[in-house]
């Protein structure tokens, strides 16, 4: 393995690590975000005057949040699949040489 291949492997590994962090971080943040928001919406729905508006806002809020966090998680998962493929291909080539 020459120095260039070592650098490429290192950067692919870093990208893979960061992509895993982005994916799992987005999933966890979504869960926390929605649970905190749920408490606020429950309080708003307990007041008769704010109940109709709170229900509409809750649906929109949750939908937008799920779309946003889901997009970030999907992007992280896509990068992970790409880097995993390159890292596996590289490892398979090294195993076949020996």
N, C-alpha and C. Protein backbone atom coordinates (compact mmCIF):
# COMPACT_ATOMS: atom_id res chain seq x y z
N UNK A 1 0.86 -1.17 0.00
CA UNK A 1 0.00 0.00 0.00
C UNK A 1 0.90 1.23 0.00
N UNK A 2 0.65 2.13 -0.92
CA UNK A 2 1.44 3.35 -0.94
C UNK A 2 0.80 4.41 -0.05
N UNK A 3 1.49 5.53 0.11
CA UNK A 3 1.03 6.58 1.02
C UNK A 3 -0.31 7.16 0.60
N UNK A 4 -0.52 7.30 -0.69
CA UNK A 4 -1.79 7.86 -1.20
C UNK A 4 -2.97 6.97 -0.83
N UNK A 5 -2.79 5.65 -0.97
CA UNK A 5 -3.87 4.72 -0.60
C UNK A 5 -4.14 4.78 0.89
N UNK A 6 -3.10 4.96 1.70
CA UNK A 6 -3.28 5.07 3.15
C UNK A 6 -4.07 6.30 3.52
N UNK A 7 -3.78 7.43 2.85
CA UNK A 7 -4.53 8.66 3.10
C UNK A 7 -5.98 8.51 2.69
N UNK A 8 -6.21 7.88 1.54
CA UNK A 8 -7.57 7.66 1.08
C UNK A 8 -8.35 6.80 2.06
N UNK A 9 -7.72 5.75 2.53
CA UNK A 9 -8.37 4.87 3.50
C UNK A 9 -8.69 5.64 4.78
N UNK A 10 -7.76 6.46 5.22
CA UNK A 10 -7.96 7.23 6.45
C UNK A 10 -9.14 8.18 6.27
N UNK A 11 -9.18 8.92 5.15
CA UNK A 11 -10.27 9.86 4.92
C UNK A 11 -11.61 9.16 4.74
N UNK A 12 -11.61 8.00 4.08
CA UNK A 12 -12.86 7.24 3.97
C UNK A 12 -13.33 6.78 5.33
N UNK A 13 -12.41 6.38 6.18
CA UNK A 13 -12.77 5.96 7.54
C UNK A 13 -13.33 7.11 8.34
N UNK A 14 -12.73 8.28 8.22
CA UNK A 14 -13.24 9.48 8.91
C UNK A 14 -14.64 9.81 8.41
N UNK A 15 -14.82 9.80 7.09
CA UNK A 15 -16.14 10.09 6.52
C UNK A 15 -17.17 9.08 7.00
N UNK A 16 -16.79 7.81 7.08
CA UNK A 16 -17.68 6.76 7.55
C UNK A 16 -18.08 7.00 9.00
N UNK A 17 -17.11 7.34 9.82
CA UNK A 17 -17.38 7.61 11.24
C UNK A 17 -18.32 8.80 11.39
N UNK A 18 -18.05 9.88 10.67
CA UNK A 18 -18.91 11.06 10.75
C UNK A 18 -20.32 10.77 10.22
N UNK A 19 -20.40 10.00 9.16
CA UNK A 19 -21.72 9.67 8.60
C UNK A 19 -22.54 8.85 9.58
N UNK A 20 -21.89 7.91 10.26
CA UNK A 20 -22.60 7.14 11.29
C UNK A 20 -23.09 8.08 12.39
N UNK A 21 -22.25 9.02 12.80
CA UNK A 21 -22.65 9.98 13.83
C UNK A 21 -23.81 10.85 13.40
N UNK A 22 -23.79 11.30 12.16
CA UNK A 22 -24.87 12.13 11.64
C UNK A 22 -26.18 11.34 11.62
N UNK A 23 -26.09 10.11 11.12
CA UNK A 23 -27.30 9.28 11.02
C UNK A 23 -27.91 9.02 12.40
N UNK A 24 -27.11 8.50 13.30
CA UNK A 24 -27.63 8.15 14.62
C UNK A 24 -27.98 9.40 15.43
N UNK A 25 -27.20 10.45 15.26
CA UNK A 25 -27.50 11.70 15.96
C UNK A 25 -28.83 12.29 15.54
N UNK A 26 -29.12 12.25 14.25
CA UNK A 26 -30.39 12.79 13.76
C UNK A 26 -31.57 11.98 14.30
N UNK A 27 -31.42 10.67 14.36
CA UNK A 27 -32.50 9.82 14.88
C UNK A 27 -32.75 10.14 16.36
N UNK A 28 -31.67 10.25 17.13
CA UNK A 28 -31.83 10.54 18.57
C UNK A 28 -32.38 11.94 18.80
N UNK A 29 -31.87 12.93 18.04
CA UNK A 29 -32.36 14.30 18.20
C UNK A 29 -33.83 14.41 17.83
N UNK A 30 -34.25 13.69 16.80
CA UNK A 30 -35.66 13.72 16.43
C UNK A 30 -36.52 13.20 17.58
N UNK A 31 -36.09 12.11 18.16
CA UNK A 31 -36.86 11.53 19.26
C UNK A 31 -36.99 12.52 20.43
N UNK A 32 -35.88 13.17 20.79
CA UNK A 32 -35.90 14.13 21.89
C UNK A 32 -36.74 15.34 21.52
N UNK A 33 -36.54 15.87 20.31
CA UNK A 33 -37.27 17.05 19.86
C UNK A 33 -38.78 16.81 19.90
N UNK A 34 -39.22 15.69 19.37
CA UNK A 34 -40.65 15.42 19.33
C UNK A 34 -41.23 15.18 20.72
N UNK A 35 -40.46 14.55 21.61
CA UNK A 35 -40.99 14.30 22.95
C UNK A 35 -41.10 15.60 23.74
N UNK A 36 -40.15 16.51 23.57
CA UNK A 36 -40.24 17.82 24.26
C UNK A 36 -41.40 18.62 23.69
N UNK A 37 -41.54 18.63 22.37
CA UNK A 37 -42.63 19.37 21.74
C UNK A 37 -43.98 18.78 22.14
N UNK A 38 -44.03 17.47 22.30
CA UNK A 38 -45.29 16.80 22.65
C UNK A 38 -45.83 17.32 23.99
N UNK A 39 -44.94 17.57 24.94
CA UNK A 39 -45.37 18.11 26.24
C UNK A 39 -46.03 19.47 26.06
N UNK A 40 -45.42 20.32 25.24
CA UNK A 40 -45.99 21.66 25.00
C UNK A 40 -47.34 21.56 24.31
N UNK A 41 -47.45 20.68 23.34
CA UNK A 41 -48.72 20.54 22.63
C UNK A 41 -49.80 19.97 23.54
N UNK A 42 -49.43 19.08 24.44
CA UNK A 42 -50.42 18.54 25.39
C UNK A 42 -50.97 19.64 26.28
N UNK A 43 -50.09 20.53 26.73
CA UNK A 43 -50.53 21.65 27.56
C UNK A 43 -51.46 22.56 26.77
N UNK A 44 -51.07 22.88 25.53
CA UNK A 44 -51.92 23.74 24.70
C UNK A 44 -53.27 23.09 24.39
N UNK A 45 -53.28 21.78 24.24
CA UNK A 45 -54.55 21.11 23.95
C UNK A 45 -55.44 20.98 25.18
N UNK A 46 -54.87 21.17 26.35
CA UNK A 46 -55.70 21.11 27.56
C UNK A 46 -56.50 22.39 27.77
N UNK A 47 -56.14 23.44 27.09
CA UNK A 47 -56.86 24.72 27.18
C UNK A 47 -57.85 24.77 26.01
N UNK A 48 -59.15 24.89 26.31
CA UNK A 48 -60.16 24.83 25.25
C UNK A 48 -59.95 25.87 24.12
N UNK A 49 -59.50 27.06 24.46
CA UNK A 49 -59.35 28.11 23.45
C UNK A 49 -58.23 27.78 22.46
N UNK A 50 -57.15 27.17 22.92
CA UNK A 50 -56.01 26.89 22.06
C UNK A 50 -56.04 25.49 21.44
N UNK A 51 -57.01 24.67 21.85
CA UNK A 51 -57.06 23.28 21.39
C UNK A 51 -57.10 23.12 19.87
N UNK A 52 -58.00 23.79 19.14
CA UNK A 52 -58.06 23.57 17.69
C UNK A 52 -56.75 23.98 16.97
N UNK A 53 -56.21 25.11 17.34
CA UNK A 53 -54.96 25.56 16.71
C UNK A 53 -53.79 24.67 17.07
N UNK A 54 -53.75 24.21 18.31
CA UNK A 54 -52.65 23.36 18.75
C UNK A 54 -52.63 22.04 17.99
N UNK A 55 -53.78 21.51 17.69
CA UNK A 55 -53.84 20.24 16.95
C UNK A 55 -53.29 20.40 15.53
N UNK A 56 -53.66 21.49 14.89
CA UNK A 56 -53.18 21.74 13.53
C UNK A 56 -51.67 21.97 13.55
N UNK A 57 -51.21 22.80 14.48
CA UNK A 57 -49.78 23.10 14.56
C UNK A 57 -48.99 21.84 14.91
N UNK A 58 -49.54 20.99 15.78
CA UNK A 58 -48.85 19.75 16.13
C UNK A 58 -48.61 18.87 14.89
N UNK A 59 -49.64 18.72 14.08
CA UNK A 59 -49.51 17.89 12.88
C UNK A 59 -48.43 18.47 11.96
N UNK A 60 -48.47 19.76 11.72
CA UNK A 60 -47.47 20.39 10.85
C UNK A 60 -46.08 20.31 11.47
N UNK A 61 -45.99 20.60 12.75
CA UNK A 61 -44.69 20.56 13.43
C UNK A 61 -44.07 19.18 13.34
N UNK A 62 -44.84 18.16 13.68
CA UNK A 62 -44.31 16.80 13.66
C UNK A 62 -43.95 16.37 12.24
N UNK A 63 -44.78 16.73 11.28
CA UNK A 63 -44.49 16.37 9.89
C UNK A 63 -43.21 17.01 9.38
N UNK A 64 -43.05 18.31 9.63
CA UNK A 64 -41.84 19.00 9.20
C UNK A 64 -40.62 18.48 9.93
N UNK A 65 -40.75 18.23 11.22
CA UNK A 65 -39.63 17.71 12.00
C UNK A 65 -39.21 16.32 11.51
N UNK A 66 -40.17 15.47 11.27
CA UNK A 66 -39.85 14.12 10.79
C UNK A 66 -39.20 14.17 9.41
N UNK A 67 -39.68 15.06 8.56
CA UNK A 67 -39.08 15.21 7.23
C UNK A 67 -37.64 15.73 7.34
N UNK A 68 -37.43 16.72 8.19
CA UNK A 68 -36.10 17.32 8.33
C UNK A 68 -35.11 16.32 8.91
N UNK A 69 -35.44 15.77 10.06
CA UNK A 69 -34.53 14.82 10.70
C UNK A 69 -34.36 13.56 9.85
N UNK A 70 -35.44 13.13 9.22
CA UNK A 70 -35.36 11.96 8.36
C UNK A 70 -34.44 12.17 7.17
N UNK A 71 -34.46 13.37 6.60
CA UNK A 71 -33.58 13.69 5.48
C UNK A 71 -32.12 13.66 5.90
N UNK A 72 -31.83 14.23 7.05
CA UNK A 72 -30.46 14.23 7.55
C UNK A 72 -30.00 12.80 7.85
N UNK A 73 -30.87 12.03 8.49
CA UNK A 73 -30.53 10.63 8.80
C UNK A 73 -30.32 9.83 7.51
N UNK A 74 -31.16 10.07 6.51
CA UNK A 74 -31.02 9.35 5.25
C UNK A 74 -29.72 9.74 4.53
N UNK A 75 -29.34 11.00 4.59
CA UNK A 75 -28.08 11.44 3.98
C UNK A 75 -26.90 10.77 4.68
N UNK A 76 -26.95 10.71 6.01
CA UNK A 76 -25.89 10.01 6.75
C UNK A 76 -25.82 8.54 6.39
N UNK A 77 -26.96 7.91 6.27
CA UNK A 77 -26.99 6.49 5.91
C UNK A 77 -26.46 6.28 4.49
N UNK A 78 -26.77 7.19 3.58
CA UNK A 78 -26.28 7.07 2.20
C UNK A 78 -24.76 7.18 2.15
N UNK A 79 -24.22 8.15 2.88
CA UNK A 79 -22.75 8.30 2.91
C UNK A 79 -22.12 7.06 3.54
N UNK A 80 -22.75 6.52 4.57
CA UNK A 80 -22.24 5.31 5.21
C UNK A 80 -22.20 4.15 4.22
N UNK A 81 -23.26 3.98 3.43
CA UNK A 81 -23.28 2.90 2.44
C UNK A 81 -22.18 3.08 1.40
N UNK A 82 -21.97 4.31 0.98
CA UNK A 82 -20.93 4.59 -0.02
C UNK A 82 -19.55 4.30 0.55
N UNK A 83 -19.26 4.83 1.73
CA UNK A 83 -17.93 4.62 2.31
C UNK A 83 -17.72 3.16 2.66
N UNK A 84 -18.76 2.49 3.16
CA UNK A 84 -18.63 1.05 3.45
C UNK A 84 -18.27 0.27 2.20
N UNK A 85 -18.90 0.62 1.08
CA UNK A 85 -18.61 -0.07 -0.17
C UNK A 85 -17.17 0.12 -0.60
N UNK A 86 -16.67 1.35 -0.53
CA UNK A 86 -15.28 1.60 -0.91
C UNK A 86 -14.30 0.92 0.04
N UNK A 87 -14.61 0.97 1.35
CA UNK A 87 -13.71 0.35 2.32
C UNK A 87 -13.69 -1.17 2.16
N UNK A 88 -14.84 -1.77 1.91
CA UNK A 88 -14.89 -3.23 1.70
C UNK A 88 -14.15 -3.63 0.43
N UNK A 89 -14.37 -2.86 -0.63
CA UNK A 89 -13.70 -3.14 -1.89
C UNK A 89 -12.19 -3.08 -1.71
N UNK A 90 -11.72 -2.09 -1.00
CA UNK A 90 -10.29 -1.93 -0.76
C UNK A 90 -9.77 -3.09 0.08
N UNK A 91 -10.50 -3.47 1.11
CA UNK A 91 -10.07 -4.58 1.95
C UNK A 91 -10.06 -5.90 1.18
N UNK A 92 -11.06 -6.10 0.32
CA UNK A 92 -11.10 -7.32 -0.50
C UNK A 92 -9.91 -7.39 -1.44
N UNK A 93 -9.52 -6.25 -2.02
CA UNK A 93 -8.35 -6.25 -2.90
C UNK A 93 -7.10 -6.62 -2.13
N UNK A 94 -6.96 -6.09 -0.91
CA UNK A 94 -5.78 -6.40 -0.10
C UNK A 94 -5.74 -7.85 0.32
N UNK A 95 -6.90 -8.44 0.61
CA UNK A 95 -6.94 -9.86 1.01
C UNK A 95 -6.59 -10.74 -0.18
N UNK A 96 -7.08 -10.38 -1.36
CA UNK A 96 -6.80 -11.19 -2.56
C UNK A 96 -5.33 -11.14 -2.98
N UNK A 97 -4.62 -10.08 -2.62
CA UNK A 97 -3.20 -9.95 -2.98
C UNK A 97 -2.33 -10.86 -2.13
N UNK A 98 -2.73 -11.13 -0.91
CA UNK A 98 -1.88 -11.92 -0.02
C UNK A 98 -2.12 -13.39 -0.11
